[in-house]
PDB file of all heavy atoms in Angstrom:
ATOM      1  N   ASN A   1       0.874  -1.147   0.011  1.00  0.00           N
ATOM      2  CA  ASN A   1       0.011   0.020  -0.012  1.00  0.00           C
ATOM      3  C   ASN A   1       0.888   1.238   0.020  1.00  0.00           C
ATOM      4  O   ASN A   1       1.502   1.580  -1.006  1.00  0.00           O
ATOM      5  CB  ASN A   1      -1.073  -0.081   1.147  1.00  0.00           C
ATOM      6  CG  ASN A   1      -1.906  -1.329   1.051  1.00  0.00           C
ATOM      7  OD1 ASN A   1      -2.335  -1.556  -0.113  1.00  0.00           O
ATOM      8  ND2 ASN A   1      -2.137  -1.965   2.127  1.00  0.00           N
ATOM      9  N   THR A   2       1.080   1.900   1.206  1.00  0.00           N
ATOM     10  CA  THR A   2       1.974   3.096   1.129  1.00  0.00           C
ATOM     11  C   THR A   2       3.059   2.962   2.224  1.00  0.00           C
ATOM     12  O   THR A   2       3.777   3.929   2.435  1.00  0.00           O
ATOM     13  CB  THR A   2       1.146   4.430   1.500  1.00  0.00           C
ATOM     14  OG1 THR A   2       0.515   4.229   2.766  1.00  0.00           O
ATOM     15  CG2 THR A   2       0.058   4.657   0.447  1.00  0.00           C
ATOM     16  N   VAL A   3       3.201   1.812   2.736  1.00  0.00           N
ATOM     17  CA  VAL A   3       4.259   1.503   3.735  1.00  0.00           C
ATOM     18  C   VAL A   3       5.489   0.918   3.161  1.00  0.00           C
ATOM     19  O   VAL A   3       5.451  -0.153   2.495  1.00  0.00           O
ATOM     20  CB  VAL A   3       3.684   0.658   4.884  1.00  0.00           C
ATOM     21  CG1 VAL A   3       4.787   0.348   5.869  1.00  0.00           C
ATOM     22  CG2 VAL A   3       2.432   1.182   5.406  1.00  0.00           C
ATOM     23  N   SER A   4       6.676   1.526   3.207  1.00  0.00           N
ATOM     24  CA  SER A   4       7.871   1.028   2.723  1.00  0.00           C
ATOM     25  C   SER A   4       8.391  -0.071   3.473  1.00  0.00           C
ATOM     26  O   SER A   4       8.251  -0.177   4.751  1.00  0.00           O
ATOM     27  CB  SER A   4       8.912   2.134   2.570  1.00  0.00           C
ATOM     28  OG  SER A   4       9.364   2.609   3.770  1.00  0.00           O
ATOM     29  N   MET A   5       9.030  -1.048   2.858  1.00  0.00           N
ATOM     30  CA  MET A   5       9.558  -2.187   3.508  1.00  0.00           C
ATOM     31  C   MET A   5      10.612  -2.852   2.620  1.00  0.00           C
ATOM     32  O   MET A   5      10.791  -2.556   1.452  1.00  0.00           O
ATOM     33  CB  MET A   5       8.411  -3.312   3.729  1.00  0.00           C
ATOM     34  CG  MET A   5       7.749  -3.592   2.382  1.00  0.00           C
ATOM     35  SD  MET A   5       6.272  -4.590   2.715  1.00  0.00           S
ATOM     36  CE  MET A   5       6.987  -6.121   3.205  1.00  0.00           C
ATOM     37  N   MET A   6      11.372  -3.704   3.340  1.00  0.00           N
ATOM     38  CA  MET A   6      12.427  -4.403   2.473  1.00  0.00           C
ATOM     39  C   MET A   6      11.842  -5.823   2.243  1.00  0.00           C
ATOM     40  O   MET A   6      10.897  -6.259   2.807  1.00  0.00           O
ATOM     41  CB  MET A   6      13.771  -4.574   3.463  1.00  0.00           C
ATOM     42  CG  MET A   6      14.423  -3.327   3.507  1.00  0.00           C
ATOM     43  SD  MET A   6      15.902  -3.496   4.570  1.00  0.00           S
ATOM     44  CE  MET A   6      15.293  -3.884   6.159  1.00  0.00           C
ATOM     45  N   ALA A   7      12.379  -6.420   1.119  1.00  0.00           N
ATOM     46  CA  ALA A   7      11.942  -7.719   0.715  1.00  0.00           C
ATOM     47  C   ALA A   7      12.286  -8.665   1.816  1.00  0.00           C
ATOM     48  O   ALA A   7      13.130  -8.524   2.656  1.00  0.00           O
ATOM     49  CB  ALA A   7      12.608  -8.067  -0.499  1.00  0.00           C
ATOM     50  N   PRO A   8      11.434  -9.799   1.926  1.00  0.00           N
ATOM     51  CA  PRO A   8      11.732 -10.858   2.965  1.00  0.00           C
ATOM     52  C   PRO A   8      13.165 -11.288   2.732  1.00  0.00           C
ATOM     53  O   PRO A   8      13.608 -11.558   1.719  1.00  0.00           O
ATOM     54  CB  PRO A   8      10.676 -11.905   2.541  1.00  0.00           C
ATOM     55  CG  PRO A   8       9.644 -11.216   1.893  1.00  0.00           C
ATOM     56  CD  PRO A   8      10.183 -10.021   1.193  1.00  0.00           C
ATOM     57  N   ASP A   9      13.824 -11.480   3.906  1.00  0.00           N
ATOM     58  CA  ASP A   9      15.206 -11.944   3.973  1.00  0.00           C
ATOM     59  C   ASP A   9      15.291 -13.471   3.989  1.00  0.00           C
ATOM     60  O   ASP A   9      15.669 -13.990   4.957  1.00  0.00           O
ATOM     61  CB  ASP A   9      15.892 -11.314   5.156  1.00  0.00           C
ATOM     62  CG  ASP A   9      17.385 -11.528   5.065  1.00  0.00           C
ATOM     63  OD1 ASP A   9      17.967 -11.851   4.036  1.00  0.00           O
ATOM     64  OD2 ASP A   9      17.999 -11.270   6.167  1.00  0.00           O
ATOM     65  N   THR A  10      14.872 -14.072   2.817  1.00  0.00           N
ATOM     66  CA  THR A  10      14.740 -15.473   2.801  1.00  0.00           C
ATOM     67  C   THR A  10      15.701 -15.989   1.571  1.00  0.00           C
ATOM     68  O   THR A  10      15.802 -15.348   0.541  1.00  0.00           O
ATOM     69  CB  THR A  10      13.333 -16.024   2.529  1.00  0.00           C
ATOM     70  OG1 THR A  10      12.896 -15.361   1.410  1.00  0.00           O
ATOM     71  CG2 THR A  10      12.545 -15.694   3.742  1.00  0.00           C
ATOM     72  N   PRO A  11      16.360 -17.108   1.792  1.00  0.00           N
ATOM     73  CA  PRO A  11      17.206 -17.660   0.715  1.00  0.00           C
ATOM     74  C   PRO A  11      16.458 -17.861  -0.557  1.00  0.00           C
ATOM     75  O   PRO A  11      15.312 -18.383  -0.593  1.00  0.00           O
ATOM     76  CB  PRO A  11      17.696 -18.949   1.231  1.00  0.00           C
ATOM     77  CG  PRO A  11      17.564 -18.842   2.731  1.00  0.00           C
ATOM     78  CD  PRO A  11      16.357 -18.012   2.963  1.00  0.00           C
ATOM     79  N   GLY A  12      16.998 -17.400  -1.690  1.00  0.00           N
ATOM     80  CA  GLY A  12      16.450 -17.724  -2.957  1.00  0.00           C
ATOM     81  C   GLY A  12      15.206 -16.798  -3.296  1.00  0.00           C
ATOM     82  O   GLY A  12      14.632 -16.929  -4.393  1.00  0.00           O
ATOM     83  N   TYR A  13      15.120 -15.720  -2.523  1.00  0.00           N
ATOM     84  CA  TYR A  13      14.063 -14.770  -2.815  1.00  0.00           C
ATOM     85  C   TYR A  13      14.096 -14.188  -4.245  1.00  0.00           C
ATOM     86  O   TYR A  13      15.208 -13.971  -4.648  1.00  0.00           O
ATOM     87  CB  TYR A  13      13.923 -13.643  -1.721  1.00  0.00           C
ATOM     88  CG  TYR A  13      13.055 -12.507  -2.198  1.00  0.00           C
ATOM     89  CD1 TYR A  13      11.756 -12.497  -1.650  1.00  0.00           C
ATOM     90  CD2 TYR A  13      13.478 -11.473  -2.990  1.00  0.00           C
ATOM     91  CE1 TYR A  13      10.851 -11.526  -2.034  1.00  0.00           C
ATOM     92  CE2 TYR A  13      12.524 -10.476  -3.446  1.00  0.00           C
ATOM     93  CZ  TYR A  13      11.211 -10.468  -2.899  1.00  0.00           C
ATOM     94  OH  TYR A  13      10.371  -9.554  -3.255  1.00  0.00           O
ATOM     95  N   HIS A  14      12.976 -14.005  -4.913  1.00  0.00           N
ATOM     96  CA  HIS A  14      12.944 -13.409  -6.194  1.00  0.00           C
ATOM     97  C   HIS A  14      11.644 -12.570  -6.270  1.00  0.00           C
ATOM     98  O   HIS A  14      10.588 -13.144  -5.862  1.00  0.00           O
ATOM     99  CB  HIS A  14      13.036 -14.305  -7.308  1.00  0.00           C
ATOM    100  CG  HIS A  14      13.355 -13.785  -8.673  1.00  0.00           C
ATOM    101  ND1 HIS A  14      12.274 -13.159  -9.376  1.00  0.00           N
ATOM    102  CD2 HIS A  14      14.479 -13.618  -9.356  1.00  0.00           C
ATOM    103  CE1 HIS A  14      12.875 -12.718 -10.529  1.00  0.00           C
ATOM    104  NE2 HIS A  14      14.205 -12.944 -10.465  1.00  0.00           N
ATOM    105  N   PHE A  15      11.704 -11.336  -6.788  1.00  0.00           N
ATOM    106  CA  PHE A  15      10.537 -10.476  -6.739  1.00  0.00           C
ATOM    107  C   PHE A  15       9.332 -11.094  -7.623  1.00  0.00           C
ATOM    108  O   PHE A  15       8.272 -10.957  -7.237  1.00  0.00           O
ATOM    109  CB  PHE A  15      10.959  -9.121  -7.343  1.00  0.00           C
ATOM    110  CG  PHE A  15       9.786  -8.169  -7.444  1.00  0.00           C
ATOM    111  CD1 PHE A  15       9.174  -7.686  -6.273  1.00  0.00           C
ATOM    112  CD2 PHE A  15       9.408  -7.633  -8.616  1.00  0.00           C
ATOM    113  CE1 PHE A  15       8.128  -6.770  -6.295  1.00  0.00           C
ATOM    114  CE2 PHE A  15       8.353  -6.722  -8.738  1.00  0.00           C
ATOM    115  CZ  PHE A  15       7.748  -6.286  -7.571  1.00  0.00           C
ATOM    116  N   ASN A  16       9.718 -11.672  -8.755  1.00  0.00           N
ATOM    117  CA  ASN A  16       8.562 -12.327  -9.556  1.00  0.00           C
ATOM    118  C   ASN A  16       7.744 -13.261  -8.792  1.00  0.00           C
ATOM    119  O   ASN A  16       6.582 -13.249  -8.781  1.00  0.00           O
ATOM    120  CB  ASN A  16       9.116 -12.945 -10.785  1.00  0.00           C
ATOM    121  CG  ASN A  16       9.349 -11.927 -11.905  1.00  0.00           C
ATOM    122  OD1 ASN A  16       8.863 -10.860 -11.933  1.00  0.00           O
ATOM    123  ND2 ASN A  16      10.151 -12.348 -12.878  1.00  0.00           N
ATOM    124  N   THR A  17       8.551 -14.150  -8.036  1.00  0.00           N
ATOM    125  CA  THR A  17       7.801 -15.182  -7.255  1.00  0.00           C
ATOM    126  C   THR A  17       7.071 -14.598  -6.086  1.00  0.00           C
ATOM    127  O   THR A  17       5.943 -14.965  -5.751  1.00  0.00           O
ATOM    128  CB  THR A  17       8.922 -16.172  -6.727  1.00  0.00           C
ATOM    129  OG1 THR A  17       9.574 -16.792  -7.837  1.00  0.00           O
ATOM    130  CG2 THR A  17       8.205 -17.328  -5.872  1.00  0.00           C
ATOM    131  N   ASP A  18       7.656 -13.545  -5.439  1.00  0.00           N
ATOM    132  CA  ASP A  18       7.063 -12.820  -4.364  1.00  0.00           C
ATOM    133  C   ASP A  18       5.728 -12.189  -4.676  1.00  0.00           C
ATOM    134  O   ASP A  18       4.684 -12.434  -4.086  1.00  0.00           O
ATOM    135  CB  ASP A  18       8.005 -11.787  -3.813  1.00  0.00           C
ATOM    136  CG  ASP A  18       7.472 -11.096  -2.515  1.00  0.00           C
ATOM    137  OD1 ASP A  18       6.597 -11.745  -1.933  1.00  0.00           O
ATOM    138  OD2 ASP A  18       7.950 -10.025  -2.192  1.00  0.00           O
ATOM    139  N   ILE A  19       5.702 -11.418  -5.773  1.00  0.00           N
ATOM    140  CA  ILE A  19       4.441 -10.821  -6.168  1.00  0.00           C
ATOM    141  C   ILE A  19       3.424 -11.828  -6.718  1.00  0.00           C
ATOM    142  O   ILE A  19       2.193 -11.583  -6.473  1.00  0.00           O
ATOM    143  CB  ILE A  19       4.679  -9.639  -7.267  1.00  0.00           C
ATOM    144  CG1 ILE A  19       5.305 -10.146  -8.522  1.00  0.00           C
ATOM    145  CG2 ILE A  19       5.339  -8.499  -6.673  1.00  0.00           C
ATOM    146  CD1 ILE A  19       5.276  -9.148  -9.618  1.00  0.00           C
ATOM    147  N   ALA A  20       3.794 -12.925  -7.234  1.00  0.00           N
ATOM    148  CA  ALA A  20       2.874 -13.909  -7.693  1.00  0.00           C
ATOM    149  C   ALA A  20       2.259 -14.564  -6.422  1.00  0.00           C
ATOM    150  O   ALA A  20       1.000 -14.733  -6.397  1.00  0.00           O
ATOM    151  CB  ALA A  20       3.560 -15.014  -8.503  1.00  0.00           C
ATOM    152  N   ASP A  21       3.121 -14.859  -5.403  1.00  0.00           N
ATOM    153  CA  ASP A  21       2.533 -15.367  -4.133  1.00  0.00           C
ATOM    154  C   ASP A  21       1.570 -14.454  -3.488  1.00  0.00           C
ATOM    155  O   ASP A  21       0.614 -14.812  -3.042  1.00  0.00           O
ATOM    156  CB  ASP A  21       3.716 -15.679  -3.219  1.00  0.00           C
ATOM    157  CG  ASP A  21       4.584 -16.917  -3.609  1.00  0.00           C
ATOM    158  OD1 ASP A  21       3.996 -17.716  -4.364  1.00  0.00           O
ATOM    159  OD2 ASP A  21       5.638 -17.057  -3.097  1.00  0.00           O
ATOM    160  N   ASP A  22       1.965 -13.112  -3.546  1.00  0.00           N
ATOM    161  CA  ASP A  22       1.153 -12.175  -2.805  1.00  0.00           C
ATOM    162  C   ASP A  22      -0.187 -12.086  -3.582  1.00  0.00           C
ATOM    163  O   ASP A  22      -1.278 -11.919  -2.918  1.00  0.00           O
ATOM    164  CB  ASP A  22       1.817 -10.777  -2.782  1.00  0.00           C
ATOM    165  CG  ASP A  22       1.450  -9.882  -1.607  1.00  0.00           C
ATOM    166  OD1 ASP A  22       1.774 -10.220  -0.512  1.00  0.00           O
ATOM    167  OD2 ASP A  22       0.631  -8.963  -1.864  1.00  0.00           O
ATOM    168  N   ALA A  23      -0.127 -12.036  -4.914  1.00  0.00           N
ATOM    169  CA  ALA A  23      -1.403 -11.899  -5.685  1.00  0.00           C
ATOM    170  C   ALA A  23      -2.352 -13.117  -5.366  1.00  0.00           C
ATOM    171  O   ALA A  23      -3.523 -13.002  -5.252  1.00  0.00           O
ATOM    172  CB  ALA A  23      -1.136 -11.808  -7.134  1.00  0.00           C
ATOM    173  N   ILE A  24      -1.670 -14.380  -5.279  1.00  0.00           N
ATOM    174  CA  ILE A  24      -2.434 -15.573  -5.030  1.00  0.00           C
ATOM    175  C   ILE A  24      -3.091 -15.434  -3.679  1.00  0.00           C
ATOM    176  O   ILE A  24      -4.216 -15.748  -3.488  1.00  0.00           O
ATOM    177  CB  ILE A  24      -1.548 -16.772  -5.173  1.00  0.00           C
ATOM    178  CG1 ILE A  24      -1.067 -17.039  -6.701  1.00  0.00           C
ATOM    179  CG2 ILE A  24      -2.189 -17.966  -4.589  1.00  0.00           C
ATOM    180  CD1 ILE A  24      -0.048 -18.037  -6.871  1.00  0.00           C
ATOM    181  N   GLY A  25      -2.255 -14.929  -2.730  1.00  0.00           N
ATOM    182  CA  GLY A  25      -2.943 -14.721  -1.355  1.00  0.00           C
ATOM    183  C   GLY A  25      -4.115 -13.748  -1.402  1.00  0.00           C
ATOM    184  O   GLY A  25      -5.077 -14.008  -0.740  1.00  0.00           O
ATOM    185  N   TRP A  26      -3.896 -12.712  -2.214  1.00  0.00           N
ATOM    186  CA  TRP A  26      -5.010 -11.755  -2.274  1.00  0.00           C
ATOM    187  C   TRP A  26      -6.236 -12.379  -2.952  1.00  0.00           C
ATOM    188  O   TRP A  26      -7.315 -12.196  -2.470  1.00  0.00           O
ATOM    189  CB  TRP A  26      -4.580 -10.520  -3.077  1.00  0.00           C
ATOM    190  CG  TRP A  26      -5.608  -9.395  -3.204  1.00  0.00           C
ATOM    191  CD1 TRP A  26      -5.829  -8.427  -2.337  1.00  0.00           C
ATOM    192  CD2 TRP A  26      -6.562  -9.331  -4.247  1.00  0.00           C
ATOM    193  NE1 TRP A  26      -6.847  -7.627  -2.750  1.00  0.00           N
ATOM    194  CE2 TRP A  26      -7.326  -8.101  -4.007  1.00  0.00           C
ATOM    195  CE3 TRP A  26      -6.808 -10.020  -5.392  1.00  0.00           C
ATOM    196  CZ2 TRP A  26      -8.384  -7.742  -4.788  1.00  0.00           C
ATOM    197  CZ3 TRP A  26      -7.838  -9.653  -6.197  1.00  0.00           C
ATOM    198  CH2 TRP A  26      -8.554  -8.426  -5.853  1.00  0.00           C
ATOM    199  N   LEU A  27      -5.991 -13.204  -3.954  1.00  0.00           N
ATOM    200  CA  LEU A  27      -7.101 -13.797  -4.617  1.00  0.00           C
ATOM    201  C   LEU A  27      -7.793 -14.804  -3.718  1.00  0.00           C
ATOM    202  O   LEU A  27      -8.985 -14.784  -3.647  1.00  0.00           O
ATOM    203  CB  LEU A  27      -6.555 -14.643  -5.828  1.00  0.00           C
ATOM    204  CG  LEU A  27      -6.229 -13.827  -7.153  1.00  0.00           C
ATOM    205  CD1 LEU A  27      -5.433 -14.693  -8.081  1.00  0.00           C
ATOM    206  CD2 LEU A  27      -7.489 -13.320  -7.804  1.00  0.00           C
ATOM    207  N   HIS A  28      -7.033 -15.603  -2.890  1.00  0.00           N
ATOM    208  CA  HIS A  28      -7.720 -16.534  -1.954  1.00  0.00           C
ATOM    209  C   HIS A  28      -8.454 -15.746  -0.932  1.00  0.00           C
ATOM    210  O   HIS A  28      -9.552 -16.256  -0.578  1.00  0.00           O
ATOM    211  CB  HIS A  28      -6.573 -17.397  -1.307  1.00  0.00           C
ATOM    212  CG  HIS A  28      -5.912 -18.382  -2.270  1.00  0.00           C
ATOM    213  ND1 HIS A  28      -4.819 -19.051  -1.934  1.00  0.00           N
ATOM    214  CD2 HIS A  28      -6.310 -18.775  -3.488  1.00  0.00           C
ATOM    215  CE1 HIS A  28      -4.542 -19.984  -3.008  1.00  0.00           C
ATOM    216  NE2 HIS A  28      -5.436 -19.764  -3.895  1.00  0.00           N
ATOM    217  N   THR A  29      -7.928 -14.682  -0.438  1.00  0.00           N
ATOM    218  CA  THR A  29      -8.716 -13.896   0.562  1.00  0.00           C
ATOM    219  C   THR A  29     -10.016 -13.378  -0.014  1.00  0.00           C
ATOM    220  O   THR A  29     -11.109 -13.549   0.504  1.00  0.00           O
ATOM    221  CB  THR A  29      -7.816 -12.822   1.087  1.00  0.00           C
ATOM    222  OG1 THR A  29      -6.708 -13.340   1.655  1.00  0.00           O
ATOM    223  CG2 THR A  29      -8.693 -12.007   2.139  1.00  0.00           C
ATOM    224  N   HIS A  30      -9.851 -12.845  -1.190  1.00  0.00           N
ATOM    225  CA  HIS A  30     -11.160 -12.391  -1.902  1.00  0.00           C
ATOM    226  C   HIS A  30     -12.126 -13.412  -2.154  1.00  0.00           C
ATOM    227  O   HIS A  30     -13.324 -13.277  -1.980  1.00  0.00           O
ATOM    228  CB  HIS A  30     -10.597 -11.688  -3.253  1.00  0.00           C
ATOM    229  CG  HIS A  30     -11.855 -11.064  -3.979  1.00  0.00           C
ATOM    230  ND1 HIS A  30     -12.625 -11.796  -4.801  1.00  0.00           N
ATOM    231  CD2 HIS A  30     -12.337  -9.868  -4.027  1.00  0.00           C
ATOM    232  CE1 HIS A  30     -13.532 -10.992  -5.354  1.00  0.00           C
ATOM    233  NE2 HIS A  30     -13.314  -9.803  -4.888  1.00  0.00           N
ATOM    234  N   GLN A  31     -11.699 -14.537  -2.677  1.00  0.00           N
ATOM    235  CA  GLN A  31     -12.463 -15.709  -2.947  1.00  0.00           C
ATOM    236  C   GLN A  31     -13.208 -16.200  -1.706  1.00  0.00           C
ATOM    237  O   GLN A  31     -14.396 -16.688  -1.753  1.00  0.00           O
ATOM    238  CB  GLN A  31     -11.734 -16.796  -3.752  1.00  0.00           C
ATOM    239  CG  GLN A  31     -11.283 -16.402  -5.052  1.00  0.00           C
ATOM    240  CD  GLN A  31     -10.164 -17.261  -5.632  1.00  0.00           C
ATOM    241  OE1 GLN A  31      -9.606 -18.133  -4.866  1.00  0.00           O
ATOM    242  NE2 GLN A  31      -9.734 -17.103  -6.870  1.00  0.00           N
ATOM    243  N   SER A  32     -12.555 -16.159  -0.502  1.00  0.00           N
ATOM    244  CA  SER A  32     -13.103 -16.651   0.659  1.00  0.00           C
ATOM    245  C   SER A  32     -14.175 -15.763   1.226  1.00  0.00           C
ATOM    246  O   SER A  32     -15.218 -16.145   1.663  1.00  0.00           O
ATOM    247  CB  SER A  32     -12.008 -16.824   1.763  1.00  0.00           C
ATOM    248  OG  SER A  32     -11.050 -17.842   1.360  1.00  0.00           O
ATOM    249  N   LEU A  33     -13.859 -14.380   1.119  1.00  0.00           N
ATOM    250  CA  LEU A  33     -14.839 -13.393   1.781  1.00  0.00           C
ATOM    251  C   LEU A  33     -15.907 -12.833   0.851  1.00  0.00           C
ATOM    252  O   LEU A  33     -16.924 -12.492   1.249  1.00  0.00           O
ATOM    253  CB  LEU A  33     -13.969 -12.273   2.376  1.00  0.00           C
ATOM    254  CG  LEU A  33     -13.040 -12.640   3.472  1.00  0.00           C
ATOM    255  CD1 LEU A  33     -12.108 -11.451   3.876  1.00  0.00           C
ATOM    256  CD2 LEU A  33     -13.840 -13.103   4.646  1.00  0.00           C
ATOM    257  N   ALA A  34     -15.645 -12.789  -0.526  1.00  0.00           N
ATOM    258  CA  ALA A  34     -16.459 -12.129  -1.397  1.00  0.00           C
ATOM    259  C   ALA A  34     -16.460 -12.865  -2.746  1.00  0.00           C
ATOM    260  O   ALA A  34     -16.192 -12.305  -3.834  1.00  0.00           O
ATOM    261  CB  ALA A  34     -16.170 -10.662  -1.647  1.00  0.00           C
ATOM    262  N   PRO A  35     -16.807 -14.112  -2.814  1.00  0.00           N
ATOM    263  CA  PRO A  35     -16.754 -15.027  -3.951  1.00  0.00           C
ATOM    264  C   PRO A  35     -17.611 -14.590  -5.094  1.00  0.00           C
ATOM    265  O   PRO A  35     -17.326 -14.816  -6.262  1.00  0.00           O
ATOM    266  CB  PRO A  35     -17.229 -16.395  -3.464  1.00  0.00           C
ATOM    267  CG  PRO A  35     -17.965 -16.156  -2.257  1.00  0.00           C
ATOM    268  CD  PRO A  35     -17.373 -14.907  -1.585  1.00  0.00           C
ATOM    269  N   GLY A  36     -18.637 -13.866  -4.739  1.00  0.00           N
ATOM    270  CA  GLY A  36     -19.637 -13.317  -5.845  1.00  0.00           C
ATOM    271  C   GLY A  36     -19.291 -11.986  -6.340  1.00  0.00           C
ATOM    272  O   GLY A  36     -20.022 -11.496  -7.249  1.00  0.00           O
ATOM    273  N   LYS A  37     -18.244 -11.346  -5.847  1.00  0.00           N
ATOM    274  CA  LYS A  37     -17.886 -10.019  -6.252  1.00  0.00           C
ATOM    275  C   LYS A  37     -16.719 -10.127  -7.257  1.00  0.00           C
ATOM    276  O   LYS A  37     -15.688 -10.707  -6.990  1.00  0.00           O
ATOM    277  CB  LYS A  37     -17.389  -9.191  -5.003  1.00  0.00           C
ATOM    278  CG  LYS A  37     -17.141  -7.659  -5.354  1.00  0.00           C
ATOM    279  CD  LYS A  37     -16.693  -6.902  -4.040  1.00  0.00           C
ATOM    280  CE  LYS A  37     -16.455  -5.430  -4.330  1.00  0.00           C
ATOM    281  NZ  LYS A  37     -16.085  -4.720  -3.165  1.00  0.00           N
ATOM    282  N   PRO A  38     -16.843  -9.463  -8.441  1.00  0.00           N
ATOM    283  CA  PRO A  38     -15.790  -9.531  -9.449  1.00  0.00           C
ATOM    284  C   PRO A  38     -14.477  -8.584  -8.979  1.00  0.00           C
ATOM    285  O   PRO A  38     -14.721  -7.700  -8.115  1.00  0.00           O
ATOM    286  CB  PRO A  38     -16.367  -8.955 -10.684  1.00  0.00           C
ATOM    287  CG  PRO A  38     -17.491  -8.017 -10.156  1.00  0.00           C
ATOM    288  CD  PRO A  38     -18.040  -8.640  -8.941  1.00  0.00           C
ATOM    289  N   TYR A  39     -13.438  -8.896  -9.518  1.00  0.00           N
ATOM    290  CA  TYR A  39     -12.217  -8.200  -9.205  1.00  0.00           C
ATOM    291  C   TYR A  39     -11.439  -7.821 -10.470  1.00  0.00           C
ATOM    292  O   TYR A  39     -11.671  -8.353 -11.510  1.00  0.00           O
ATOM    293  CB  TYR A  39     -11.351  -9.063  -8.285  1.00  0.00           C
ATOM    294  CG  TYR A  39     -10.827 -10.352  -8.920  1.00  0.00           C
ATOM    295  CD1 TYR A  39      -9.828 -10.368  -9.874  1.00  0.00           C
ATOM    296  CD2 TYR A  39     -11.420 -11.589  -8.532  1.00  0.00           C
ATOM    297  CE1 TYR A  39      -9.411 -11.572 -10.291  1.00  0.00           C
ATOM    298  CE2 TYR A  39     -11.138 -12.763  -8.955  1.00  0.00           C
ATOM    299  CZ  TYR A  39     -10.097 -12.816  -9.951  1.00  0.00           C
ATOM    300  OH  TYR A  39      -9.669 -13.996 -10.544  1.00  0.00           O
TER     301      TYR A  39
END
């Protein structure tokens, strides 16, 4: 959102994988709470 942060300090971290994981998490949350609402 608007909060600055460093990337997770984990071995093998890659930004492409990170944003895909985060998008998947966002999708799962949306699907759980508002499955009938388009995104």
